[in-house]
């Protein structure tokens, strides 16, 4: 996989950005796939009206409606064991799509104590949005700016699993559980040389500051001098 000269990955080299993750263990920098909710959609809630059959707990009648912040949860006339809710809880449903994601932190398999196990292990991931040929041809100027690291929440890359362009959405950072079946792990992870660059991107996005004399800062200055972007 060959990276173009005007991307920050080229400073490390085609063979130095991604590396094989032969153990398939989830660690920082692992590339996984999982369902990612569409963040710009209003979620729905399921209001449990009661059991479909009064003596059965496996089936329930529900009302589907948009979920707003002022929603008031109501109790079902007949409790349904298959759909339990605690005080103040609601059922929420989101439209979602399977996307490649980069693991930025994880406590999966970290030998948690009993109290933490009750909460469940989690990881923090950022999704990749793959770019098809149609989208690329209509937004070449925007993609060039992303590739030149002009936006703190967006990072251009080539996915090793499909050798296709994608944008890492650090602005859509989200937690997810580590239960079996929630995600699938790929055979790739970021190299030790690549992780500090992604960390600098993340710090820039969260704090709004670029570290002085960092590879990311120097690369941005180089791209601005070469291509005249602001």
Foldseek 3Di string as FASTA:
>chain_A
DFDDPLFLVPVQHPDAWKDFQVVLDDAAFFKWKFKDFDPVDFKKWWQFQAAPDPVAQPHTDTDIDGDDPPDDHDDHPYDRPVDDDDPPDTGIGGDIDIFIKGWHHWCVPVPDDPVVVVVATKTKIWTKAFDDPVRCVVQVVVVSCQRLVVDLQWHWDQDPVVRTIIITGNVRIDMDGDDPPRMGTDRMGTHPVNSVVVVQSNCCVPVVDHDPPDSSVVSNVVCCVVPVDD
